[in-house]
Amino acid sequence: APGKQRELVATITSSDGSTNYANSVKGRFAISRDNTKRTMYLQMNSL
């Protein structure tokens, strides 16, 4: 954000699909990936 440091939002692994979220986005954001398409997504709700 403007004037702030870069911060983690969410991560996801390929091997087991485990995810990690910042507390500020838990329950609102969902990270996912489709390895067949080599694409990662972040669904952001209740922005």
All heavy atoms as atom14 arrays in JSON, in Angstrom:
{
  "sequence": "APGKQRELVATITSSDGSTNYANSVKGRFAISRDNTKRTMYLQMNSL",
  "atom14_mask": [
    [1, 1, 1, 1, 1, 0, 0, 0, 0, 0, 0, 0, 0, 0],
    [1, 1, 1, 1, 1, 1, 1, 0, 0, 0, 0, 0, 0, 0],
    [1, 1, 1, 1, 0, 0, 0, 0, 0, 0, 0, 0, 0, 0],
    [1, 1, 1, 1, 1, 1, 1, 1, 1, 0, 0, 0, 0, 0],
    [1, 1, 1, 1, 1, 1, 1, 1, 1, 0, 0, 0, 0, 0],
    [1, 1, 1, 1, 1, 1, 1, 1, 1, 1, 1, 0, 0, 0],
    [1, 1, 1, 1, 1, 1, 1, 1, 1, 0, 0, 0, 0, 0],
    [1, 1, 1, 1, 1, 1, 1, 1, 0, 0, 0, 0, 0, 0],
    [1, 1, 1, 1, 1, 1, 1, 0, 0, 0, 0, 0, 0, 0],
    [1, 1, 1, 1, 1, 0, 0, 0, 0, 0, 0, 0, 0, 0],
    [1, 1, 1, 1, 1, 1, 1, 0, 0, 0, 0, 0, 0, 0],
    [1, 1, 1, 1, 1, 1, 1, 1, 0, 0, 0, 0, 0, 0],
    [1, 1, 1, 1, 1, 1, 1, 0, 0, 0, 0, 0, 0, 0],
    [1, 1, 1, 1, 1, 1, 0, 0, 0, 0, 0, 0, 0, 0],
    [1, 1, 1, 1, 1, 1, 0, 0, 0, 0, 0, 0, 0, 0],
    [1, 1, 1, 1, 1, 1, 1, 1, 0, 0, 0, 0, 0, 0],
    [1, 1, 1, 1, 0, 0, 0, 0, 0, 0, 0, 0, 0, 0],
    [1, 1, 1, 1, 1, 1, 0, 0, 0, 0, 0, 0, 0, 0],
    [1, 1, 1, 1, 1, 1, 1, 0, 0, 0, 0, 0, 0, 0],
    [1, 1, 1, 1, 1, 1, 1, 1, 0, 0, 0, 0, 0, 0],
    [1, 1, 1, 1, 1, 1, 1, 1, 1, 1, 1, 1, 0, 0],
    [1, 1, 1, 1, 1, 0, 0, 0, 0, 0, 0, 0, 0, 0],
    [1, 1, 1, 1, 1, 1, 1, 1, 0, 0, 0, 0, 0, 0],
    [1, 1, 1, 1, 1, 1, 0, 0, 0, 0, 0, 0, 0, 0],
    [1, 1, 1, 1, 1, 1, 1, 0, 0, 0, 0, 0, 0, 0],
    [1, 1, 1, 1, 1, 1, 1, 1, 1, 0, 0, 0, 0, 0],
    [1, 1, 1, 1, 0, 0, 0, 0, 0, 0, 0, 0, 0, 0],
    [1, 1, 1, 1, 1, 1, 1, 1, 1, 1, 1, 0, 0, 0],
    [1, 1, 1, 1, 1, 1, 1, 1, 1, 1, 1, 0, 0, 0],
    [1, 1, 1, 1, 1, 0, 0, 0, 0, 0, 0, 0, 0, 0],
    [1, 1, 1, 1, 1, 1, 1, 1, 0, 0, 0, 0, 0, 0],
    [1, 1, 1, 1, 1, 1, 0, 0, 0, 0, 0, 0, 0, 0],
    [1, 1, 1, 1, 1, 1, 1, 1, 1, 1, 1, 0, 0, 0],
    [1, 1, 1, 1, 1, 1, 1, 1, 0, 0, 0, 0, 0, 0],
    [1, 1, 1, 1, 1, 1, 1, 1, 0, 0, 0, 0, 0, 0],
    [1, 1, 1, 1, 1, 1, 1, 0, 0, 0, 0, 0, 0, 0],
    [1, 1, 1, 1, 1, 1, 1, 1, 1, 0, 0, 0, 0, 0],
    [1, 1, 1, 1, 1, 1, 1, 1, 1, 1, 1, 0, 0, 0],
    [1, 1, 1, 1, 1, 1, 1, 0, 0, 0, 0, 0, 0, 0],
    [1, 1, 1, 1, 1, 1, 1, 1, 0, 0, 0, 0, 0, 0],
    [1, 1, 1, 1, 1, 1, 1, 1, 1, 1, 1, 1, 0, 0],
    [1, 1, 1, 1, 1, 1, 1, 1, 0, 0, 0, 0, 0, 0],
    [1, 1, 1, 1, 1, 1, 1, 1, 1, 0, 0, 0, 0, 0],
    [1, 1, 1, 1, 1, 1, 1, 1, 0, 0, 0, 0, 0, 0],
    [1, 1, 1, 1, 1, 1, 1, 1, 0, 0, 0, 0, 0, 0],
    [1, 1, 1, 1, 1, 1, 0, 0, 0, 0, 0, 0, 0, 0],
    [1, 1, 1, 1, 1, 1, 1, 1, 0, 0, 0, 0, 0, 0]
  ],
  "atom14_positions": [
    [[0.84, -1.18, 0.0], [0.0, 0.0, 0.0], [0.89, 1.24, 0.0], [2.05, 1.18, 0.4], [-0.9, -0.01, 1.23], [0.0, 0.0, 0.0], [0.0, 0.0, 0.0], [0.0, 0.0, 0.0], [0.0, 0.0, 0.0], [0.0, 0.0, 0.0], [0.0, 0.0, 0.0], [0.0, 0.0, 0.0], [0.0, 0.0, 0.0], [0.0, 0.0, 0.0]],
    [[0.35, 2.37, -0.43], [1.15, 3.61, -0.46], [1.74, 3.93, 0.91], [1.03, 3.94, 1.92], [0.14, 4.67, -0.88], [-0.89, 3.92, -1.65], [-1.0, 2.58, -0.98], [0.0, 0.0, 0.0], [0.0, 0.0, 0.0], [0.0, 0.0, 0.0], [0.0, 0.0, 0.0], [0.0, 0.0, 0.0], [0.0, 0.0, 0.0], [0.0, 0.0, 0.0]],
    [[3.04, 4.16, 0.93], [3.71, 4.53, 2.16], [3.96, 3.39, 3.13], [4.42, 3.61, 4.25], [0.0, 0.0, 0.0], [0.0, 0.0, 0.0], [0.0, 0.0, 0.0], [0.0, 0.0, 0.0], [0.0, 0.0, 0.0], [0.0, 0.0, 0.0], [0.0, 0.0, 0.0], [0.0, 0.0, 0.0], [0.0, 0.0, 0.0], [0.0, 0.0, 0.0]],
    [[3.67, 2.16, 2.7], [3.86, 1.01, 3.59], [4.79, 0.0, 2.96], [5.05, 0.02, 1.76], [2.51, 0.36, 3.89], [1.57, 1.24, 4.69], [0.34, 0.48, 5.13], [-0.58, 1.34, 5.99], [-1.77, 0.59, 6.45], [0.0, 0.0, 0.0], [0.0, 0.0, 0.0], [0.0, 0.0, 0.0], [0.0, 0.0, 0.0], [0.0, 0.0, 0.0]],
    [[5.27, -0.91, 3.79], [6.14, -1.97, 3.3], [5.32, -3.07, 2.63], [4.13, -3.26, 2.92], [6.95, -2.57, 4.46], [8.0, -1.64, 5.03], [8.88, -2.34, 6.04], [8.45, -3.26, 6.73], [10.12, -1.9, 6.14], [0.0, 0.0, 0.0], [0.0, 0.0, 0.0], [0.0, 0.0, 0.0], [0.0, 0.0, 0.0], [0.0, 0.0, 0.0]],
    [[5.97, -3.79, 1.75], [5.32, -4.92, 1.1], [5.05, -6.0, 2.16], [5.9, -6.27, 3.01], [6.21, -5.48, 0.0], [5.53, -6.48, -0.9], [6.42, -6.87, -2.08], [6.72, -5.72, -2.94], [7.34, -5.84, -4.1], [7.7, -7.03, -4.55], [7.59, -4.76, -4.82], [0.0, 0.0, 0.0], [0.0, 0.0, 0.0], [0.0, 0.0, 0.0]],
    [[3.87, -6.6, 2.09], [3.5, -7.59, 3.08], [2.92, -8.83, 2.42], [2.35, -8.77, 1.33], [2.46, -7.02, 4.06], [1.14, -6.63, 3.42], [0.11, -6.14, 4.43], [0.43, -6.03, 5.62], [-1.03, -5.87, 4.0], [0.0, 0.0, 0.0], [0.0, 0.0, 0.0], [0.0, 0.0, 0.0], [0.0, 0.0, 0.0], [0.0, 0.0, 0.0]],
    [[3.05, -9.94, 3.13], [2.49, -11.2, 2.66], [0.97, -11.15, 2.71], [0.38, -10.67, 3.69], [2.99, -12.34, 3.55], [2.31, -13.69, 3.37], [2.75, -14.33, 2.08], [2.6, -14.6, 4.55], [0.0, 0.0, 0.0], [0.0, 0.0, 0.0], [0.0, 0.0, 0.0], [0.0, 0.0, 0.0], [0.0, 0.0, 0.0], [0.0, 0.0, 0.0]],
    [[0.33, -11.67, 1.67], [-1.11, -11.85, 1.66], [-1.45, -13.33, 1.82], [-2.2, -13.71, 2.72], [-1.74, -11.31, 0.36], [-3.24, -11.58, 0.34], [-1.46, -9.82, 0.21], [0.0, 0.0, 0.0], [0.0, 0.0, 0.0], [0.0, 0.0, 0.0], [0.0, 0.0, 0.0], [0.0, 0.0, 0.0], [0.0, 0.0, 0.0], [0.0, 0.0, 0.0]],
    [[-0.88, -14.16, 0.96], [-1.17, -15.59, 1.02], [-0.15, -16.35, 0.2], [0.41, -15.82, -0.77], [-2.58, -15.88, 0.49], [0.0, 0.0, 0.0], [0.0, 0.0, 0.0], [0.0, 0.0, 0.0], [0.0, 0.0, 0.0], [0.0, 0.0, 0.0], [0.0, 0.0, 0.0], [0.0, 0.0, 0.0], [0.0, 0.0, 0.0], [0.0, 0.0, 0.0]],
    [[0.1, -17.6, 0.59], [0.97, -18.48, -0.17], [0.32, -19.85, -0.34], [-0.56, -20.23, 0.45], [2.34, -18.67, 0.5], [2.14, -19.27, 1.79], [3.08, -17.35, 0.64], [0.0, 0.0, 0.0], [0.0, 0.0, 0.0], [0.0, 0.0, 0.0], [0.0, 0.0, 0.0], [0.0, 0.0, 0.0], [0.0, 0.0, 0.0], [0.0, 0.0, 0.0]],
    [[0.8, -20.58, -1.35], [0.3, -21.93, -1.59], [1.43, -22.76, -2.16], [2.24, -22.27, -2.96], [-0.91, -21.9, -2.55], [-1.51, -23.3, -2.7], [-0.54, -21.3, -3.9], [-2.87, -23.3, -3.39], [0.0, 0.0, 0.0], [0.0, 0.0, 0.0], [0.0, 0.0, 0.0], [0.0, 0.0, 0.0], [0.0, 0.0, 0.0], [0.0, 0.0, 0.0]],
    [[1.52, -24.02, -1.74], [2.56, -24.9, -2.24], [2.02, -25.79, -3.36], [0.81, -26.02, -3.47], [3.13, -25.78, -1.13], [2.07, -26.63, -0.63], [3.68, -24.94, 0.0], [0.0, 0.0, 0.0], [0.0, 0.0, 0.0], [0.0, 0.0, 0.0], [0.0, 0.0, 0.0], [0.0, 0.0, 0.0], [0.0, 0.0, 0.0], [0.0, 0.0, 0.0]],
    [[2.93, -26.29, -4.16], [2.56, -27.18, -5.25], [2.43, -28.62, -4.77], [1.53, -29.35, -5.19], [3.59, -27.1, -6.36], [3.29, -28.01, -7.4], [0.0, 0.0, 0.0], [0.0, 0.0, 0.0], [0.0, 0.0, 0.0], [0.0, 0.0, 0.0], [0.0, 0.0, 0.0], [0.0, 0.0, 0.0], [0.0, 0.0, 0.0], [0.0, 0.0, 0.0]],
    [[3.34, -29.05, -3.9], [3.43, -30.46, -3.51], [2.18, -30.95, -2.78], [1.67, -32.04, -3.08], [4.65, -30.67, -2.64], [4.64, -29.79, -1.55], [0.0, 0.0, 0.0], [0.0, 0.0, 0.0], [0.0, 0.0, 0.0], [0.0, 0.0, 0.0], [0.0, 0.0, 0.0], [0.0, 0.0, 0.0], [0.0, 0.0, 0.0], [0.0, 0.0, 0.0]],
    [[1.67, -30.15, -1.83], [0.51, -30.61, -1.08], [-0.63, -29.59, -1.01], [-1.64, -29.83, -0.36], [0.9, -31.02, 0.34], [1.48, -29.88, 1.15], [1.5, -28.74, 0.64], [1.93, -30.13, 2.28], [0.0, 0.0, 0.0], [0.0, 0.0, 0.0], [0.0, 0.0, 0.0], [0.0, 0.0, 0.0], [0.0, 0.0, 0.0], [0.0, 0.0, 0.0]],
    [[-0.46, -28.47, -1.68], [-1.53, -27.47, -1.73], [-1.77, -26.74, -0.43], [-2.81, -26.1, -0.26], [0.0, 0.0, 0.0], [0.0, 0.0, 0.0], [0.0, 0.0, 0.0], [0.0, 0.0, 0.0], [0.0, 0.0, 0.0], [0.0, 0.0, 0.0], [0.0, 0.0, 0.0], [0.0, 0.0, 0.0], [0.0, 0.0, 0.0], [0.0, 0.0, 0.0]],
    [[-0.82, -26.81, 0.48], [-1.02, -26.14, 1.76], [-0.99, -24.63, 1.56], [-0.27, -24.11, 0.71], [0.03, -26.57, 2.77], [1.32, -26.26, 2.32], [0.0, 0.0, 0.0], [0.0, 0.0, 0.0], [0.0, 0.0, 0.0], [0.0, 0.0, 0.0], [0.0, 0.0, 0.0], [0.0, 0.0, 0.0], [0.0, 0.0, 0.0], [0.0, 0.0, 0.0]],
    [[-1.8, -23.93, 2.34], [-1.95, -22.49, 2.2], [-1.63, -21.77, 3.5], [-1.68, -22.35, 4.6], [-3.38, -22.13, 1.77], [-4.3, -22.62, 2.75], [-3.71, -22.72, 0.41], [0.0, 0.0, 0.0], [0.0, 0.0, 0.0], [0.0, 0.0, 0.0], [0.0, 0.0, 0.0], [0.0, 0.0, 0.0], [0.0, 0.0, 0.0], [0.0, 0.0, 0.0]],
    [[-1.3, -20.51, 3.36], [-1.0, -19.65, 4.49], [-1.56, -18.27, 4.18], [-1.39, -17.79, 3.04], [0.51, -19.59, 4.72], [0.88, -18.68, 5.86], [0.34, -18.8, 6.95], [1.8, -17.75, 5.62], [0.0, 0.0, 0.0], [0.0, 0.0, 0.0], [0.0, 0.0, 0.0], [0.0, 0.0, 0.0], [0.0, 0.0, 0.0], [0.0, 0.0, 0.0]],
    [[-2.22, -17.65, 5.15], [-2.84, -16.35, 4.93], [-2.43, -15.34, 6.0], [-2.24, -15.7, 7.17], [-4.37, -16.46, 4.98], [-4.97, -17.25, 3.85], [-5.2, -18.62, 3.98], [-5.33, -16.63, 2.66], [-5.77, -19.35, 2.94], [-5.91, -17.34, 1.63], [-6.12, -18.7, 1.78], [-6.68, -19.42, 0.74], [0.0, 0.0, 0.0], [0.0, 0.0, 0.0]],
    [[-2.36, -14.09, 5.61], [-2.24, -13.02, 6.59], [-3.53, -12.94, 7.38], [-4.62, -13.19, 6.84], [-1.97, -11.69, 5.88], [0.0, 0.0, 0.0], [0.0, 0.0, 0.0], [0.0, 0.0, 0.0], [0.0, 0.0, 0.0], [0.0, 0.0, 0.0], [0.0, 0.0, 0.0], [0.0, 0.0, 0.0], [0.0, 0.0, 0.0], [0.0, 0.0, 0.0]],
    [[-3.42, -12.61, 8.65], [-4.62, -12.54, 9.5], [-5.65, -11.56, 8.93], [-6.86, -11.78, 9.06], [-4.24, -12.13, 10.91], [-3.53, -13.24, 11.67], [-3.72, -14.42, 11.37], [-2.71, -12.87, 12.62], [0.0, 0.0, 0.0], [0.0, 0.0, 0.0], [0.0, 0.0, 0.0], [0.0, 0.0, 0.0], [0.0, 0.0, 0.0], [0.0, 0.0, 0.0]],
    [[-5.17, -10.52, 8.3], [-6.07, -9.46, 7.83], [-6.97, -9.91, 6.68], [-7.98, -9.25, 6.39], [-5.26, -8.24, 7.39], [-4.35, -8.6, 6.37], [0.0, 0.0, 0.0], [0.0, 0.0, 0.0], [0.0, 0.0, 0.0], [0.0, 0.0, 0.0], [0.0, 0.0, 0.0], [0.0, 0.0, 0.0], [0.0, 0.0, 0.0], [0.0, 0.0, 0.0]],
    [[-6.63, -11.02, 6.03], [-7.43, -11.46, 4.88], [-8.1, -12.81, 5.1], [-8.87, -13.28, 4.25], [-6.59, -11.51, 3.59], [-5.91, -10.17, 3.34], [-5.57, -12.63, 3.63], [0.0, 0.0, 0.0], [0.0, 0.0, 0.0], [0.0, 0.0, 0.0], [0.0, 0.0, 0.0], [0.0, 0.0, 0.0], [0.0, 0.0, 0.0], [0.0, 0.0, 0.0]],
    [[-7.81, -13.46, 6.22], [-8.41, -14.77, 6.49], [-9.93, -14.68, 6.48], [-10.51, -13.78, 7.07], [-7.93, -15.29, 7.85], [-6.54, -15.87, 7.83], [-6.14, -16.4, 9.2], [-4.73, -16.96, 9.17], [-4.29, -17.41, 10.52], [0.0, 0.0, 0.0], [0.0, 0.0, 0.0], [0.0, 0.0, 0.0], [0.0, 0.0, 0.0], [0.0, 0.0, 0.0]],
    [[-10.53, -15.65, 5.8], [-11.98, -15.69, 5.71], [-12.55, -14.85, 4.59], [-13.74, -14.96, 4.27], [0.0, 0.0, 0.0], [0.0, 0.0, 0.0], [0.0, 0.0, 0.0], [0.0, 0.0, 0.0], [0.0, 0.0, 0.0], [0.0, 0.0, 0.0], [0.0, 0.0, 0.0], [0.0, 0.0, 0.0], [0.0, 0.0, 0.0], [0.0, 0.0, 0.0]],
    [[-11.72, -14.0, 3.99], [-12.19, -13.14, 2.89], [-11.51, -13.49, 1.56], [-12.12, -13.38, 0.5], [-11.94, -11.67, 3.2], [-12.63, -11.18, 4.45], [-12.49, -9.67, 4.61], [-11.11, -9.23, 4.75], [-10.51, -8.37, 3.92], [-11.18, -7.84, 2.91], [-9.25, -8.02, 4.13], [0.0, 0.0, 0.0], [0.0, 0.0, 0.0], [0.0, 0.0, 0.0]],
    [[-10.24, -13.86, 1.62], [-9.46, -14.17, 0.43], [-9.22, -15.67, 0.35], [-9.1, -16.34, 1.38], [-8.11, -13.46, 0.46], [-8.16, -11.96, 0.32], [-9.35, -11.26, 0.38], [-6.98, -11.26, 0.11], [-9.38, -9.88, 0.25], [-6.99, -9.87, -0.02], [-8.19, -9.18, 0.06], [0.0, 0.0, 0.0], [0.0, 0.0, 0.0], [0.0, 0.0, 0.0]],
    [[-9.1, -16.16, -0.87], [-8.79, -17.58, -1.08], [-7.76, -17.7, -2.2], [-7.99, -17.21, -3.31], [-10.04, -18.36, -1.43], [0.0, 0.0, 0.0], [0.0, 0.0, 0.0], [0.0, 0.0, 0.0], [0.0, 0.0, 0.0], [0.0, 0.0, 0.0], [0.0, 0.0, 0.0], [0.0, 0.0, 0.0], [0.0, 0.0, 0.0], [0.0, 0.0, 0.0]],
    [[-6.66, -18.36, -1.89], [-5.6, -18.59, -2.87], [-5.76, -20.0, -3.43], [-6.12, -20.94, -2.71], [-4.2, -18.39, -2.25], [-3.13, -18.38, -3.33], [-3.92, -19.43, -1.17], [-1.75, -17.96, -2.81], [0.0, 0.0, 0.0], [0.0, 0.0, 0.0], [0.0, 0.0, 0.0], [0.0, 0.0, 0.0], [0.0, 0.0, 0.0], [0.0, 0.0, 0.0]],
    [[-5.5, -20.14, -4.72], [-5.58, -21.46, -5.35], [-4.62, -21.48, -6.53], [-4.1, -20.43, -6.94], [-7.01, -21.76, -5.81], [-7.43, -20.82, -6.78], [0.0, 0.0, 0.0], [0.0, 0.0, 0.0], [0.0, 0.0, 0.0], [0.0, 0.0, 0.0], [0.0, 0.0, 0.0], [0.0, 0.0, 0.0], [0.0, 0.0, 0.0], [0.0, 0.0, 0.0]],
    [[-4.4, -22.68, -7.06], [-3.53, -22.79, -8.23], [-3.99, -23.94, -9.09], [-4.53, -24.94, -8.59], [-2.06, -22.93, -7.83], [-1.74, -24.16, -7.03], [-0.32, -24.09, -6.44], [0.71, -24.12, -7.48], [2.01, -23.92, -7.24], [2.43, -23.67, -6.0], [2.88, -23.97, -8.22], [0.0, 0.0, 0.0], [0.0, 0.0, 0.0], [0.0, 0.0, 0.0]],
    [[-3.75, -23.82, -10.36], [-4.03, -24.87, -11.34], [-2.71, -25.16, -12.03], [-2.29, -24.42, -12.93], [-5.09, -24.4, -12.33], [-5.49, -25.48, -13.31], [-4.71, -26.44, -13.51], [-6.58, -25.38, -13.89], [0.0, 0.0, 0.0], [0.0, 0.0, 0.0], [0.0, 0.0, 0.0], [0.0, 0.0, 0.0], [0.0, 0.0, 0.0], [0.0, 0.0, 0.0]],
    [[-2.03, -26.21, -11.61], [-0.71, -26.52, -12.16], [-0.77, -26.9, -13.63], [0.2, -26.73, -14.36], [-0.03, -27.61, -11.35], [0.43, -27.12, -9.99], [0.6, -25.91, -9.78], [0.61, -28.03, -9.06], [0.0, 0.0, 0.0], [0.0, 0.0, 0.0], [0.0, 0.0, 0.0], [0.0, 0.0, 0.0], [0.0, 0.0, 0.0], [0.0, 0.0, 0.0]],
    [[-1.9, -27.43, -14.09], [-2.01, -27.77, -15.5], [-1.99, -26.52, -16.37], [-1.56, -26.55, -17.52], [-3.29, -28.56, -15.78], [-4.43, -27.75, -15.49], [-3.34, -29.83, -14.94], [0.0, 0.0, 0.0], [0.0, 0.0, 0.0], [0.0, 0.0, 0.0], [0.0, 0.0, 0.0], [0.0, 0.0, 0.0], [0.0, 0.0, 0.0], [0.0, 0.0, 0.0]],
    [[-2.48, -25.41, -15.81], [-2.46, -24.14, -16.53], [-1.31, -23.24, -16.07], [-1.14, -22.14, -16.59], [-3.79, -23.4, -16.31], [-5.0, -24.12, -16.87], [-6.27, -23.32, -16.63], [-7.48, -24.05, -17.2], [-8.74, -23.3, -16.96], [0.0, 0.0, 0.0], [0.0, 0.0, 0.0], [0.0, 0.0, 0.0], [0.0, 0.0, 0.0], [0.0, 0.0, 0.0]],
    [[-0.55, -23.75, -15.07], [0.56, -22.96, -14.52], [0.07, -21.57, -14.12], [0.71, -20.56, -14.43], [1.72, -22.9, -15.5], [2.37, -24.27, -15.71], [3.59, -24.22, -16.55], [4.3, -25.48, -16.54], [4.0, -26.53, -17.29], [2.97, -26.47, -18.1], [4.72, -27.63, -17.21], [0.0, 0.0, 0.0], [0.0, 0.0, 0.0], [0.0, 0.0, 0.0]],
    [[-1.03, -21.54, -13.43], [-1.65, -20.28, -13.02], [-2.09, -20.35, -11.57], [-2.61, -21.37, -11.11], [-2.85, -19.96, -13.91], [-2.43, -19.87, -15.28], [-3.48, -18.62, -13.53], [0.0, 0.0, 0.0], [0.0, 0.0, 0.0], [0.0, 0.0, 0.0], [0.0, 0.0, 0.0], [0.0, 0.0, 0.0], [0.0, 0.0, 0.0], [0.0, 0.0, 0.0]],
    [[-1.86, -19.25, -10.88], [-2.28, -19.1, -9.49], [-3.35, -18.02, -9.44], [-3.32, -17.08, -10.25], [-1.1, -18.7, -8.61], [-1.44, -18.4, -7.18], [-0.02, -17.87, -6.21], [0.46, -16.36, -7.03], [0.0, 0.0, 0.0], [0.0, 0.0, 0.0], [0.0, 0.0, 0.0], [0.0, 0.0, 0.0], [0.0, 0.0, 0.0], [0.0, 0.0, 0.0]],
    [[-4.27, -18.16, -8.48], [-5.36, -17.21, -8.37], [-5.48, -16.68, -6.94], [-5.06, -17.34, -5.98], [-6.69, -17.9, -8.74], [-6.68, -18.55, -10.09], [-6.41, -19.91, -10.22], [-6.93, -17.81, -11.25], [-6.39, -20.52, -11.47], [-6.92, -18.41, -12.49], [-6.65, -19.77, -12.6], [-6.64, -20.36, -13.83], [0.0, 0.0, 0.0], [0.0, 0.0, 0.0]],
    [[-6.05, -15.51, -6.83], [-6.42, -14.97, -5.53], [-7.84, -14.43, -5.65], [-8.05, -13.41, -6.31], [-5.47, -13.87, -5.07], [-5.74, -13.34, -3.66], [-5.42, -14.42, -2.62], [-4.92, -12.07, -3.38], [0.0, 0.0, 0.0], [0.0, 0.0, 0.0], [0.0, 0.0, 0.0], [0.0, 0.0, 0.0], [0.0, 0.0, 0.0], [0.0, 0.0, 0.0]],
    [[-8.78, -15.14, -5.05], [-10.15, -14.66, -5.01], [-10.31, -13.77, -3.79], [-10.07, -14.21, -2.67], [-11.12, -15.84, -4.92], [-12.59, -15.44, -4.83], [-13.08, -14.77, -6.1], [-12.78, -15.19, -7.21], [-13.85, -13.69, -5.92], [0.0, 0.0, 0.0], [0.0, 0.0, 0.0], [0.0, 0.0, 0.0], [0.0, 0.0, 0.0], [0.0, 0.0, 0.0]],
    [[-10.69, -12.53, -4.03], [-10.8, -11.55, -2.96], [-12.27, -11.14, -2.82], [-12.84, -10.57, -3.75], [-9.93, -10.33, -3.26], [-8.48, -10.68, -3.5], [-7.43, -9.22, -3.69], [-8.06, -8.56, -5.23], [0.0, 0.0, 0.0], [0.0, 0.0, 0.0], [0.0, 0.0, 0.0], [0.0, 0.0, 0.0], [0.0, 0.0, 0.0], [0.0, 0.0, 0.0]],
    [[-12.84, -11.45, -1.67], [-14.22, -11.11, -1.38], [-14.31, -10.13, -0.22], [-13.35, -9.97, 0.53], [-15.02, -12.38, -1.05], [-15.03, -13.38, -2.18], [-15.08, -13.02, -3.35], [-15.01, -14.66, -1.83], [0.0, 0.0, 0.0], [0.0, 0.0, 0.0], [0.0, 0.0, 0.0], [0.0, 0.0, 0.0], [0.0, 0.0, 0.0], [0.0, 0.0, 0.0]],
    [[-15.45, -9.51, -0.07], [-15.68, -8.56, 1.03], [-14.53, -7.56, 1.13], [-14.0, -7.31, 2.22], [-15.84, -9.32, 2.36], [-16.91, -10.24, 2.29], [0.0, 0.0, 0.0], [0.0, 0.0, 0.0], [0.0, 0.0, 0.0], [0.0, 0.0, 0.0], [0.0, 0.0, 0.0], [0.0, 0.0, 0.0], [0.0, 0.0, 0.0], [0.0, 0.0, 0.0]],
    [[-14.17, -7.01, 0.01], [-13.02, -6.1, -0.03], [-13.29, -4.84, 0.78], [-14.42, -4.34, 0.86], [-12.69, -5.75, -1.47], [-11.93, -6.84, -2.22], [-12.03, -6.66, -3.72], [-10.46, -6.86, -1.79], [0.0, 0.0, 0.0], [0.0, 0.0, 0.0], [0.0, 0.0, 0.0], [0.0, 0.0, 0.0], [0.0, 0.0, 0.0], [0.0, 0.0, 0.0]]
  ]
}
